Amino acid sequence: MNSSEFLKQINSYYALSEDTISAMMAICSEDQYKKNELLLESGSMARYYYFIQSGLIGYYTTDEEGNSIYKIFFEENSFVASTSAIIKNEPSDFNIIALEDCKVIKYPVKAYRELLEKHHDLALFHIRYLEKNWVVKKEPLEVSLKYETAKQRYCLLLENKSLHNRLKQNQIASYLGITPTQLSRIKKEIN
């Protein structure tokens, strides 16, 4: 298993001891998912945390008509999980889907949570990760949904060209909370 980028990302939040790294790697395994394959289905218990080595993953729910409503997308070198479902120990309200063929490192929730109890440095990594990605990074997105237009939000998404170019138009429209027709109008205005 090539774990160098995985450990580099963890250590960017908090440096782990060799003992903690050994314990962490002992619970990790590699897996692959084909495009459109679910890593987690809504209504199921979240059993794993994932680290994306290659590929693109979407995190979505469905409305009453069966339309996908994307909350967020994850590119390479990102950690993915149904965090809320794990914390509440309840089935996930969200699906996690491979939008491209993906290669991941996965580690079981139960074993990881046990390691958090035993390894202070791993707990500090986890806290710092949650603070940065689920508080600091997420807050501007929540505010933008309330105060910015879809056009403004689309322009922000355009700034991340690598992500934008990997998404289908219906995924972008869903993420922005608009229809594909509205997205086409916005794109015409910008061009």
N, C-alpha and C. Protein backbone atom coordinates (compact mmCIF):
# COMPACT_ATOMS: atom_id res chain seq x y z
N MET A 1 0.86 -1.18 0.00
CA MET A 1 0.00 0.00 0.00
C MET A 1 0.90 1.24 0.00
N ASN A 2 0.62 2.15 -0.92
CA ASN A 2 1.35 3.41 -0.95
C ASN A 2 0.66 4.39 -0.01
N SER A 3 1.24 4.57 1.16
CA SER A 3 0.59 5.39 2.19
C SER A 3 1.28 6.73 2.41
N SER A 4 2.26 7.08 1.59
CA SER A 4 3.04 8.30 1.84
C SER A 4 2.18 9.56 1.80
N GLU A 5 1.31 9.70 0.80
CA GLU A 5 0.47 10.91 0.72
C GLU A 5 -0.57 10.92 1.83
N PHE A 6 -1.09 9.76 2.17
CA PHE A 6 -2.05 9.61 3.27
C PHE A 6 -1.43 10.13 4.57
N LEU A 7 -0.22 9.66 4.88
CA LEU A 7 0.46 10.09 6.11
C LEU A 7 0.87 11.56 6.04
N LYS A 8 1.26 12.01 4.87
CA LYS A 8 1.62 13.43 4.69
C LYS A 8 0.41 14.32 5.02
N GLN A 9 -0.77 13.92 4.52
CA GLN A 9 -1.98 14.70 4.80
C GLN A 9 -2.32 14.69 6.29
N ILE A 10 -2.24 13.53 6.92
CA ILE A 10 -2.50 13.46 8.36
C ILE A 10 -1.52 14.36 9.12
N ASN A 11 -0.24 14.22 8.80
CA ASN A 11 0.80 14.99 9.50
C ASN A 11 0.71 16.49 9.24
N SER A 12 0.03 16.89 8.18
CA SER A 12 -0.15 18.33 7.93
C SER A 12 -1.10 18.95 8.96
N TYR A 13 -1.91 18.12 9.61
CA TYR A 13 -2.80 18.61 10.67
C TYR A 13 -2.15 18.45 12.04
N TYR A 14 -1.51 17.31 12.24
CA TYR A 14 -0.80 17.06 13.50
C TYR A 14 0.14 15.87 13.27
N ALA A 15 1.40 16.04 13.64
CA ALA A 15 2.41 14.99 13.42
C ALA A 15 2.17 13.80 14.36
N LEU A 16 2.11 12.63 13.76
CA LEU A 16 1.89 11.40 14.53
C LEU A 16 3.21 10.74 14.90
N SER A 17 3.23 10.08 16.05
CA SER A 17 4.40 9.31 16.47
C SER A 17 4.49 8.04 15.62
N GLU A 18 5.65 7.42 15.63
CA GLU A 18 5.83 6.17 14.89
C GLU A 18 4.90 5.08 15.40
N ASP A 19 4.70 5.05 16.71
CA ASP A 19 3.80 4.07 17.32
C ASP A 19 2.37 4.27 16.81
N THR A 20 1.93 5.51 16.74
CA THR A 20 0.57 5.80 16.25
C THR A 20 0.45 5.48 14.77
N ILE A 21 1.48 5.81 13.99
CA ILE A 21 1.46 5.49 12.56
C ILE A 21 1.33 3.98 12.36
N SER A 22 2.09 3.21 13.11
CA SER A 22 2.01 1.74 13.00
C SER A 22 0.62 1.23 13.34
N ALA A 23 0.04 1.76 14.41
CA ALA A 23 -1.31 1.33 14.82
C ALA A 23 -2.34 1.73 13.77
N MET A 24 -2.18 2.93 13.22
CA MET A 24 -3.11 3.41 12.20
C MET A 24 -3.01 2.57 10.93
N MET A 25 -1.81 2.32 10.48
CA MET A 25 -1.62 1.57 9.24
C MET A 25 -2.11 0.12 9.37
N ALA A 26 -2.09 -0.39 10.58
CA ALA A 26 -2.55 -1.77 10.81
C ALA A 26 -4.05 -1.94 10.55
N ILE A 27 -4.81 -0.85 10.63
CA ILE A 27 -6.26 -0.95 10.40
C ILE A 27 -6.65 -0.50 8.99
N CYS A 28 -5.70 -0.03 8.21
CA CYS A 28 -5.98 0.48 6.86
C CYS A 28 -5.89 -0.61 5.80
N SER A 29 -6.68 -0.43 4.77
CA SER A 29 -6.60 -1.29 3.59
C SER A 29 -6.90 -0.44 2.37
N GLU A 30 -6.47 -0.94 1.21
CA GLU A 30 -6.77 -0.24 -0.03
C GLU A 30 -8.00 -0.86 -0.67
N ASP A 31 -8.74 -0.03 -1.39
CA ASP A 31 -9.90 -0.52 -2.12
C ASP A 31 -10.06 0.31 -3.38
N GLN A 32 -10.82 -0.22 -4.32
CA GLN A 32 -11.10 0.51 -5.56
C GLN A 32 -12.59 0.50 -5.80
N TYR A 33 -13.09 1.59 -6.36
CA TYR A 33 -14.50 1.72 -6.70
C TYR A 33 -14.60 2.18 -8.14
N LYS A 34 -15.49 1.58 -8.87
CA LYS A 34 -15.73 1.97 -10.25
C LYS A 34 -16.64 3.21 -10.28
N LYS A 35 -16.56 3.95 -11.36
CA LYS A 35 -17.43 5.11 -11.56
C LYS A 35 -18.88 4.71 -11.31
N ASN A 36 -19.59 5.54 -10.56
CA ASN A 36 -21.01 5.37 -10.18
C ASN A 36 -21.25 4.30 -9.11
N GLU A 37 -20.19 3.74 -8.55
CA GLU A 37 -20.35 2.76 -7.47
C GLU A 37 -20.45 3.51 -6.13
N LEU A 38 -21.37 3.05 -5.29
CA LEU A 38 -21.55 3.68 -3.99
C LEU A 38 -20.54 3.16 -2.97
N LEU A 39 -19.90 4.08 -2.26
CA LEU A 39 -19.06 3.72 -1.13
C LEU A 39 -19.94 3.58 0.11
N LEU A 40 -21.01 4.40 0.14
CA LEU A 40 -21.98 4.37 1.23
C LEU A 40 -23.34 4.73 0.67
N GLU A 41 -24.34 3.93 1.01
CA GLU A 41 -25.70 4.20 0.56
C GLU A 41 -26.50 4.84 1.69
N SER A 42 -27.28 5.84 1.33
CA SER A 42 -28.17 6.49 2.30
C SER A 42 -29.02 5.42 2.99
N GLY A 43 -29.17 5.56 4.31
CA GLY A 43 -29.92 4.58 5.09
C GLY A 43 -29.06 3.49 5.70
N SER A 44 -27.78 3.46 5.29
CA SER A 44 -26.85 2.47 5.83
C SER A 44 -25.96 3.10 6.89
N MET A 45 -25.44 2.27 7.75
CA MET A 45 -24.49 2.75 8.76
C MET A 45 -23.15 3.02 8.09
N ALA A 46 -22.51 4.11 8.49
CA ALA A 46 -21.17 4.44 7.97
C ALA A 46 -20.17 3.55 8.69
N ARG A 47 -19.51 2.68 7.97
CA ARG A 47 -18.59 1.72 8.57
C ARG A 47 -17.13 2.07 8.34
N TYR A 48 -16.87 3.02 7.42
CA TYR A 48 -15.48 3.35 7.09
C TYR A 48 -15.27 4.85 6.93
N TYR A 49 -14.03 5.23 7.18
CA TYR A 49 -13.49 6.51 6.75
C TYR A 49 -12.68 6.20 5.49
N TYR A 50 -12.58 7.16 4.58
CA TYR A 50 -11.86 6.96 3.33
C TYR A 50 -10.86 8.09 3.10
N PHE A 51 -9.76 7.75 2.45
CA PHE A 51 -8.81 8.74 1.96
C PHE A 51 -8.67 8.48 0.47
N ILE A 52 -8.91 9.50 -0.34
CA ILE A 52 -8.90 9.33 -1.80
C ILE A 52 -7.48 9.44 -2.33
N GLN A 53 -7.00 8.34 -2.89
CA GLN A 53 -5.69 8.33 -3.54
C GLN A 53 -5.81 8.82 -4.98
N SER A 54 -6.87 8.40 -5.67
CA SER A 54 -7.13 8.88 -7.03
C SER A 54 -8.62 8.83 -7.28
N GLY A 55 -9.10 9.76 -8.10
CA GLY A 55 -10.51 9.80 -8.44
C GLY A 55 -11.25 10.95 -7.80
N LEU A 56 -12.54 10.97 -8.02
CA LEU A 56 -13.42 12.04 -7.54
C LEU A 56 -14.64 11.41 -6.90
N ILE A 57 -15.03 11.93 -5.74
CA ILE A 57 -16.15 11.38 -4.98
C ILE A 57 -17.17 12.49 -4.72
N GLY A 58 -18.45 12.13 -4.82
CA GLY A 58 -19.54 13.05 -4.52
C GLY A 58 -20.29 12.61 -3.28
N TYR A 59 -20.83 13.59 -2.58
CA TYR A 59 -21.57 13.37 -1.33
C TYR A 59 -22.94 14.00 -1.55
N TYR A 60 -23.99 13.16 -1.63
CA TYR A 60 -25.29 13.70 -2.01
C TYR A 60 -26.45 13.00 -1.31
N THR A 61 -27.59 13.64 -1.37
CA THR A 61 -28.84 13.06 -0.92
C THR A 61 -29.81 13.16 -2.09
N THR A 62 -31.00 12.63 -1.95
CA THR A 62 -31.99 12.74 -3.01
C THR A 62 -33.26 13.39 -2.48
N ASP A 63 -33.92 14.15 -3.36
CA ASP A 63 -35.17 14.79 -2.95
C ASP A 63 -36.34 13.83 -3.21
N GLU A 64 -37.56 14.32 -2.96
CA GLU A 64 -38.74 13.46 -3.08
C GLU A 64 -38.97 12.96 -4.50
N GLU A 65 -38.47 13.70 -5.51
CA GLU A 65 -38.62 13.28 -6.91
C GLU A 65 -37.47 12.38 -7.36
N GLY A 66 -36.52 12.11 -6.45
CA GLY A 66 -35.41 11.24 -6.81
C GLY A 66 -34.22 11.97 -7.42
N ASN A 67 -34.23 13.30 -7.39
CA ASN A 67 -33.11 14.07 -7.93
C ASN A 67 -31.95 14.10 -6.92
N SER A 68 -30.74 14.00 -7.43
CA SER A 68 -29.55 14.07 -6.58
C SER A 68 -29.27 15.52 -6.20
N ILE A 69 -29.01 15.73 -4.91
CA ILE A 69 -28.66 17.06 -4.40
C ILE A 69 -27.28 16.94 -3.78
N TYR A 70 -26.27 17.45 -4.51
CA TYR A 70 -24.89 17.34 -4.06
C TYR A 70 -24.57 18.37 -3.00
N LYS A 71 -23.95 17.91 -1.93
CA LYS A 71 -23.52 18.79 -0.85
C LYS A 71 -22.07 19.22 -1.05
N ILE A 72 -21.24 18.26 -1.47
CA ILE A 72 -19.81 18.55 -1.60
C ILE A 72 -19.15 17.49 -2.49
N PHE A 73 -18.01 17.86 -3.05
CA PHE A 73 -17.21 16.95 -3.86
C PHE A 73 -15.83 16.83 -3.23
N PHE A 74 -15.22 15.65 -3.37
CA PHE A 74 -13.91 15.40 -2.79
C PHE A 74 -12.96 14.92 -3.88
N GLU A 75 -11.81 15.59 -3.99
CA GLU A 75 -10.78 15.22 -4.96
C GLU A 75 -9.69 14.43 -4.25
N GLU A 76 -8.66 14.08 -5.01
CA GLU A 76 -7.53 13.35 -4.46
C GLU A 76 -6.98 14.01 -3.20
N ASN A 77 -6.44 13.19 -2.33
CA ASN A 77 -5.82 13.61 -1.07
C ASN A 77 -6.81 14.23 -0.09
N SER A 78 -8.06 13.81 -0.19
CA SER A 78 -9.11 14.25 0.73
C SER A 78 -9.58 13.07 1.57
N PHE A 79 -10.02 13.40 2.77
CA PHE A 79 -10.65 12.42 3.66
C PHE A 79 -12.15 12.53 3.48
N VAL A 80 -12.83 11.39 3.44
CA VAL A 80 -14.27 11.35 3.20
C VAL A 80 -14.91 10.40 4.20
N ALA A 81 -16.04 10.82 4.74
CA ALA A 81 -16.86 9.95 5.60
C ALA A 81 -18.21 10.61 5.79
N SER A 82 -19.17 9.85 6.22
CA SER A 82 -20.44 10.44 6.63
C SER A 82 -20.28 10.79 8.11
N THR A 83 -19.58 11.88 8.34
CA THR A 83 -19.16 12.27 9.68
C THR A 83 -20.32 12.40 10.66
N SER A 84 -21.39 13.04 10.25
CA SER A 84 -22.54 13.22 11.12
C SER A 84 -23.14 11.87 11.52
N ALA A 85 -23.27 10.97 10.56
CA ALA A 85 -23.81 9.64 10.86
C ALA A 85 -22.91 8.89 11.83
N ILE A 86 -21.60 9.04 11.67
CA ILE A 86 -20.65 8.38 12.57
C ILE A 86 -20.79 8.93 13.99
N ILE A 87 -20.83 10.25 14.10
CA ILE A 87 -20.93 10.89 15.41
C ILE A 87 -22.23 10.49 16.12
N LYS A 88 -23.33 10.49 15.36
CA LYS A 88 -24.64 10.16 15.94
C LYS A 88 -24.88 8.65 16.05
N ASN A 89 -24.01 7.85 15.43
CA ASN A 89 -24.18 6.40 15.37
C ASN A 89 -25.56 6.03 14.82
N GLU A 90 -25.89 6.70 13.70
CA GLU A 90 -27.16 6.50 13.01
C GLU A 90 -26.90 6.24 11.53
N PRO A 91 -27.87 5.68 10.83
CA PRO A 91 -27.70 5.52 9.38
C PRO A 91 -27.48 6.87 8.70
N SER A 92 -26.72 6.85 7.63
CA SER A 92 -26.40 8.08 6.91
C SER A 92 -27.59 8.60 6.13
N ASP A 93 -27.74 9.91 6.09
CA ASP A 93 -28.74 10.56 5.24
C ASP A 93 -28.18 10.78 3.84
N PHE A 94 -26.90 10.53 3.66
CA PHE A 94 -26.22 10.84 2.40
C PHE A 94 -25.64 9.60 1.75
N ASN A 95 -25.53 9.68 0.44
CA ASN A 95 -24.81 8.69 -0.36
C ASN A 95 -23.42 9.23 -0.61
N ILE A 96 -22.44 8.33 -0.65
CA ILE A 96 -21.09 8.69 -1.07
C ILE A 96 -20.82 7.86 -2.31
N ILE A 97 -20.56 8.54 -3.44
CA ILE A 97 -20.47 7.87 -4.73
C ILE A 97 -19.16 8.20 -5.45
N ALA A 98 -18.62 7.22 -6.14
CA ALA A 98 -17.45 7.44 -6.98
C ALA A 98 -17.94 8.10 -8.28
N LEU A 99 -17.52 9.32 -8.53
CA LEU A 99 -17.88 10.02 -9.77
C LEU A 99 -16.90 9.69 -10.89
N GLU A 100 -15.78 9.12 -10.51
CA GLU A 100 -14.77 8.58 -11.43
C GLU A 100 -14.29 7.29 -10.79
N ASP A 101 -13.58 6.47 -11.54
CA ASP A 101 -12.93 5.31 -10.91
C ASP A 101 -12.04 5.84 -9.79
N CYS A 102 -12.10 5.22 -8.63
CA CYS A 102 -11.38 5.71 -7.46
C CYS A 102 -10.54 4.62 -6.81
N LYS A 103 -9.43 5.05 -6.27
CA LYS A 103 -8.60 4.19 -5.43
C LYS A 103 -8.53 4.89 -4.08
N VAL A 104 -8.85 4.15 -3.02
CA VAL A 104 -8.91 4.75 -1.68
C VAL A 104 -8.15 3.90 -0.67
N ILE A 105 -7.77 4.56 0.40
CA ILE A 105 -7.36 3.87 1.62
C ILE A 105 -8.57 3.99 2.54
N LYS A 106 -8.99 2.87 3.10
CA LYS A 106 -10.14 2.93 4.01
C LYS A 106 -9.76 2.33 5.35
N TYR A 107 -10.42 2.82 6.38
CA TYR A 107 -10.18 2.30 7.72
C TYR A 107 -11.50 2.28 8.49
N PRO A 108 -11.74 1.18 9.23
CA PRO A 108 -13.03 1.00 9.87
C PRO A 108 -13.28 1.99 11.01
N VAL A 109 -14.50 2.47 11.06
CA VAL A 109 -14.91 3.45 12.06
C VAL A 109 -14.62 2.95 13.47
N LYS A 110 -15.06 1.74 13.78
CA LYS A 110 -14.92 1.22 15.15
C LYS A 110 -13.45 1.14 15.57
N ALA A 111 -12.61 0.57 14.73
CA ALA A 111 -11.18 0.45 15.07
C ALA A 111 -10.52 1.82 15.17
N TYR A 112 -10.89 2.73 14.28
CA TYR A 112 -10.31 4.08 14.31
C TYR A 112 -10.72 4.80 15.58
N ARG A 113 -11.99 4.70 15.96
CA ARG A 113 -12.47 5.37 17.18
C ARG A 113 -11.75 4.81 18.41
N GLU A 114 -11.44 3.52 18.40
CA GLU A 114 -10.67 2.93 19.50
C GLU A 114 -9.26 3.51 19.54
N LEU A 115 -8.65 3.69 18.37
CA LEU A 115 -7.31 4.30 18.32
C LEU A 115 -7.33 5.73 18.82
N LEU A 116 -8.41 6.46 18.54
CA LEU A 116 -8.52 7.85 19.02
C LEU A 116 -8.46 7.90 20.55
N GLU A 117 -9.01 6.88 21.19
CA GLU A 117 -8.99 6.81 22.66
C GLU A 117 -7.58 6.53 23.19
N LYS A 118 -6.81 5.75 22.45
CA LYS A 118 -5.48 5.31 22.92
C LYS A 118 -4.34 6.24 22.53
N HIS A 119 -4.50 6.95 21.42
CA HIS A 119 -3.39 7.75 20.88
C HIS A 119 -3.77 9.23 20.85
N HIS A 120 -3.21 9.96 21.80
CA HIS A 120 -3.50 11.38 21.95
C HIS A 120 -3.18 12.17 20.67
N ASP A 121 -2.08 11.83 20.02
CA ASP A 121 -1.70 12.56 18.81
C ASP A 121 -2.70 12.32 17.67
N LEU A 122 -3.25 11.13 17.58
CA LEU A 122 -4.27 10.85 16.56
C LEU A 122 -5.55 11.63 16.86
N ALA A 123 -5.89 11.73 18.13
CA ALA A 123 -7.06 12.52 18.53
C ALA A 123 -6.87 13.99 18.17
N LEU A 124 -5.65 14.50 18.35
CA LEU A 124 -5.38 15.89 17.99
C LEU A 124 -5.47 16.09 16.47
N PHE A 125 -4.98 15.12 15.70
CA PHE A 125 -5.16 15.18 14.24
C PHE A 125 -6.65 15.28 13.93
N HIS A 126 -7.44 14.40 14.51
CA HIS A 126 -8.87 14.33 14.23
C HIS A 126 -9.57 15.65 14.57
N ILE A 127 -9.26 16.19 15.71
CA ILE A 127 -9.86 17.48 16.13
C ILE A 127 -9.48 18.58 15.14
N ARG A 128 -8.23 18.67 14.80
CA ARG A 128 -7.77 19.73 13.89
C ARG A 128 -8.36 19.56 12.50
N TYR A 129 -8.47 18.32 12.05
CA TYR A 129 -9.10 18.07 10.76
C TYR A 129 -10.56 18.56 10.77
N LEU A 130 -11.31 18.17 11.79
CA LEU A 130 -12.71 18.58 11.88
C LEU A 130 -12.84 20.09 11.99
N GLU A 131 -12.00 20.71 12.79
CA GLU A 131 -12.05 22.17 12.92
C GLU A 131 -11.84 22.86 11.58
N LYS A 132 -10.82 22.43 10.86
CA LYS A 132 -10.49 23.10 9.59
C LYS A 132 -11.52 22.82 8.50
N ASN A 133 -11.94 21.56 8.37
CA ASN A 133 -12.77 21.18 7.24
C ASN A 133 -14.27 21.22 7.49
N TRP A 134 -14.71 21.06 8.72
CA TRP A 134 -16.13 21.06 8.99
C TRP A 134 -16.60 22.29 9.74
N VAL A 135 -15.67 23.19 10.09
CA VAL A 135 -16.07 24.45 10.70
C VAL A 135 -15.54 25.60 9.85
N VAL A 136 -14.24 25.76 9.80
CA VAL A 136 -13.64 26.91 9.11
C VAL A 136 -13.94 26.90 7.61
N LYS A 137 -13.75 25.78 6.95
CA LYS A 137 -13.94 25.69 5.50
C LYS A 137 -15.43 25.69 5.13
N LYS A 138 -16.25 25.10 5.96
CA LYS A 138 -17.67 24.95 5.66
C LYS A 138 -18.48 26.23 5.91
N GLU A 139 -18.07 27.02 6.86
CA GLU A 139 -18.83 28.22 7.22
C GLU A 139 -19.06 29.17 6.05
N PRO A 140 -18.02 29.52 5.27
CA PRO A 140 -18.27 30.41 4.13
C PRO A 140 -19.25 29.81 3.11
N LEU A 141 -19.23 28.49 2.94
CA LEU A 141 -20.18 27.85 2.01
C LEU A 141 -21.61 28.03 2.50
N GLU A 142 -21.81 27.87 3.79
CA GLU A 142 -23.15 28.03 4.35
C GLU A 142 -23.64 29.47 4.21
N VAL A 143 -22.76 30.42 4.44
CA VAL A 143 -23.12 31.83 4.32
C VAL A 143 -23.41 32.17 2.86
N SER A 144 -22.59 31.65 1.94
CA SER A 144 -22.79 31.96 0.53
C SER A 144 -24.14 31.47 0.03
N LEU A 145 -24.63 30.35 0.55
CA LEU A 145 -25.94 29.84 0.15
C LEU A 145 -27.06 30.80 0.54
N LYS A 146 -26.86 31.53 1.61
CA LYS A 146 -27.89 32.46 2.07
C LYS A 146 -27.82 33.83 1.40
N TYR A 147 -26.61 34.28 1.03
CA TYR A 147 -26.47 35.67 0.59
C TYR A 147 -25.96 35.87 -0.84
N GLU A 148 -25.36 34.85 -1.42
CA GLU A 148 -24.82 35.02 -2.76
C GLU A 148 -25.76 34.43 -3.79
N THR A 149 -25.71 34.99 -4.98
CA THR A 149 -26.53 34.46 -6.06
C THR A 149 -25.88 33.18 -6.59
N ALA A 150 -26.66 32.44 -7.36
CA ALA A 150 -26.12 31.22 -7.98
C ALA A 150 -24.95 31.57 -8.90
N LYS A 151 -25.04 32.71 -9.55
CA LYS A 151 -23.96 33.16 -10.44
C LYS A 151 -22.68 33.39 -9.64
N GLN A 152 -22.78 34.02 -8.49
CA GLN A 152 -21.61 34.26 -7.65
C GLN A 152 -21.02 32.93 -7.16
N ARG A 153 -21.89 32.00 -6.76
CA ARG A 153 -21.42 30.70 -6.29
C ARG A 153 -20.76 29.91 -7.42
N TYR A 154 -21.32 30.04 -8.63
CA TYR A 154 -20.73 29.37 -9.80
C TYR A 154 -19.34 29.94 -10.09
N CYS A 155 -19.20 31.24 -9.98
CA CYS A 155 -17.88 31.87 -10.22
C CYS A 155 -16.85 31.36 -9.20
N LEU A 156 -17.27 31.14 -7.97
CA LEU A 156 -16.37 30.57 -6.96
C LEU A 156 -15.96 29.15 -7.34
N LEU A 157 -16.92 28.36 -7.82
CA LEU A 157 -16.61 27.00 -8.25
C LEU A 157 -15.65 27.01 -9.44
N LEU A 158 -15.82 27.98 -10.32
CA LEU A 158 -14.94 28.10 -11.49
C LEU A 158 -13.48 28.32 -11.10
N GLU A 159 -13.26 28.92 -9.93
CA GLU A 159 -11.90 29.16 -9.47
C GLU A 159 -11.13 27.85 -9.26
N ASN A 160 -11.86 26.79 -8.94
CA ASN A 160 -11.24 25.47 -8.80
C ASN A 160 -11.44 24.74 -10.14
N LYS A 161 -10.64 25.12 -11.13
CA LYS A 161 -10.79 24.60 -12.49
C LYS A 161 -10.69 23.07 -12.56
N SER A 162 -9.76 22.49 -11.79
CA SER A 162 -9.61 21.03 -11.86
C SER A 162 -10.90 20.33 -11.43
N LEU A 163 -11.55 20.81 -10.39
CA LEU A 163 -12.80 20.22 -9.95
C LEU A 163 -13.91 20.52 -10.96
N HIS A 164 -14.05 21.77 -11.34
CA HIS A 164 -15.10 22.18 -12.27
C HIS A 164 -15.09 21.34 -13.54
N ASN A 165 -13.91 21.13 -14.10
CA ASN A 165 -13.79 20.40 -15.36
C ASN A 165 -14.09 18.91 -15.23
N ARG A 166 -14.12 18.40 -14.03
CA ARG A 166 -14.39 16.97 -13.80
C ARG A 166 -15.86 16.68 -13.55
N LEU A 167 -16.65 17.72 -13.37
CA LEU A 167 -18.06 17.55 -13.01
C LEU A 167 -18.97 17.67 -14.23
N LYS A 168 -20.08 16.95 -14.19
CA LYS A 168 -21.12 17.09 -15.21
C LYS A 168 -21.96 18.32 -14.87
N GLN A 169 -22.61 18.86 -15.89
CA GLN A 169 -23.42 20.07 -15.68
C GLN A 169 -24.54 19.86 -14.68
N ASN A 170 -25.17 18.68 -14.70
CA ASN A 170 -26.25 18.45 -13.74
C ASN A 170 -25.72 18.36 -12.30
N GLN A 171 -24.48 17.89 -12.13
CA GLN A 171 -23.88 17.84 -10.79
C GLN A 171 -23.58 19.26 -10.30
N ILE A 172 -23.08 20.09 -11.18
CA ILE A 172 -22.80 21.48 -10.82
C ILE A 172 -24.10 22.20 -10.46
N ALA A 173 -25.12 22.04 -11.29
CA ALA A 173 -26.41 22.69 -11.03
C ALA A 173 -26.98 22.23 -9.68
N SER A 174 -26.91 20.93 -9.41
CA SER A 174 -27.40 20.39 -8.15
C SER A 174 -26.65 21.00 -6.97
N TYR A 175 -25.33 21.06 -7.08
CA TYR A 175 -24.49 21.63 -6.02
C TYR A 175 -24.85 23.09 -5.76
N LEU A 176 -25.16 23.83 -6.84
CA LEU A 176 -25.51 25.25 -6.71
C LEU A 176 -26.96 25.46 -6.28
N GLY A 177 -27.76 24.40 -6.33
CA GLY A 177 -29.17 24.52 -5.95
C GLY A 177 -30.02 25.13 -7.04
N ILE A 178 -29.64 24.90 -8.31
CA ILE A 178 -30.39 25.45 -9.44
C ILE A 178 -30.62 24.33 -10.46
N THR A 179 -31.40 24.65 -11.49
CA THR A 179 -31.64 23.68 -12.55
C THR A 179 -30.53 23.77 -13.59
N PRO A 180 -30.35 22.72 -14.40
CA PRO A 180 -29.37 22.79 -15.49
C PRO A 180 -29.66 23.94 -16.47
N THR A 181 -30.93 24.25 -16.68
CA THR A 181 -31.30 25.36 -17.57
C THR A 181 -30.81 26.69 -16.99
N GLN A 182 -31.00 26.87 -15.68
CA GLN A 182 -30.51 28.08 -15.03
C GLN A 182 -28.99 28.17 -15.13
N LEU A 183 -28.32 27.04 -14.98
CA LEU A 183 -26.86 27.02 -15.11
C LEU A 183 -26.44 27.42 -16.51
N SER A 184 -27.15 26.95 -17.53
CA SER A 184 -26.83 27.33 -18.92
C SER A 184 -26.95 28.84 -19.10
N ARG A 185 -27.97 29.44 -18.52
CA ARG A 185 -28.15 30.90 -18.61
C ARG A 185 -26.98 31.64 -17.94
N ILE A 186 -26.59 31.16 -16.77
CA ILE A 186 -25.46 31.78 -16.05
C ILE A 186 -24.19 31.68 -16.88
N LYS A 187 -23.95 30.54 -17.46
CA LYS A 187 -22.74 30.34 -18.28
C LYS A 187 -22.75 31.27 -19.48
N LYS A 188 -23.92 31.49 -20.09
CA LYS A 188 -24.02 32.42 -21.23
C LYS A 188 -23.73 33.84 -20.79
N GLU A 189 -24.23 34.24 -19.63
CA GLU A 189 -23.98 35.59 -19.09
C GLU A 189 -22.49 35.81 -18.87
N ILE A 190 -21.81 34.79 -18.33
CA ILE A 190 -20.38 34.92 -18.02
C ILE A 190 -19.57 34.99 -19.30
N ASN A 191 -19.94 34.20 -20.29
CA ASN A 191 -19.19 34.19 -21.57
C ASN A 191 -19.64 35.37 -22.40
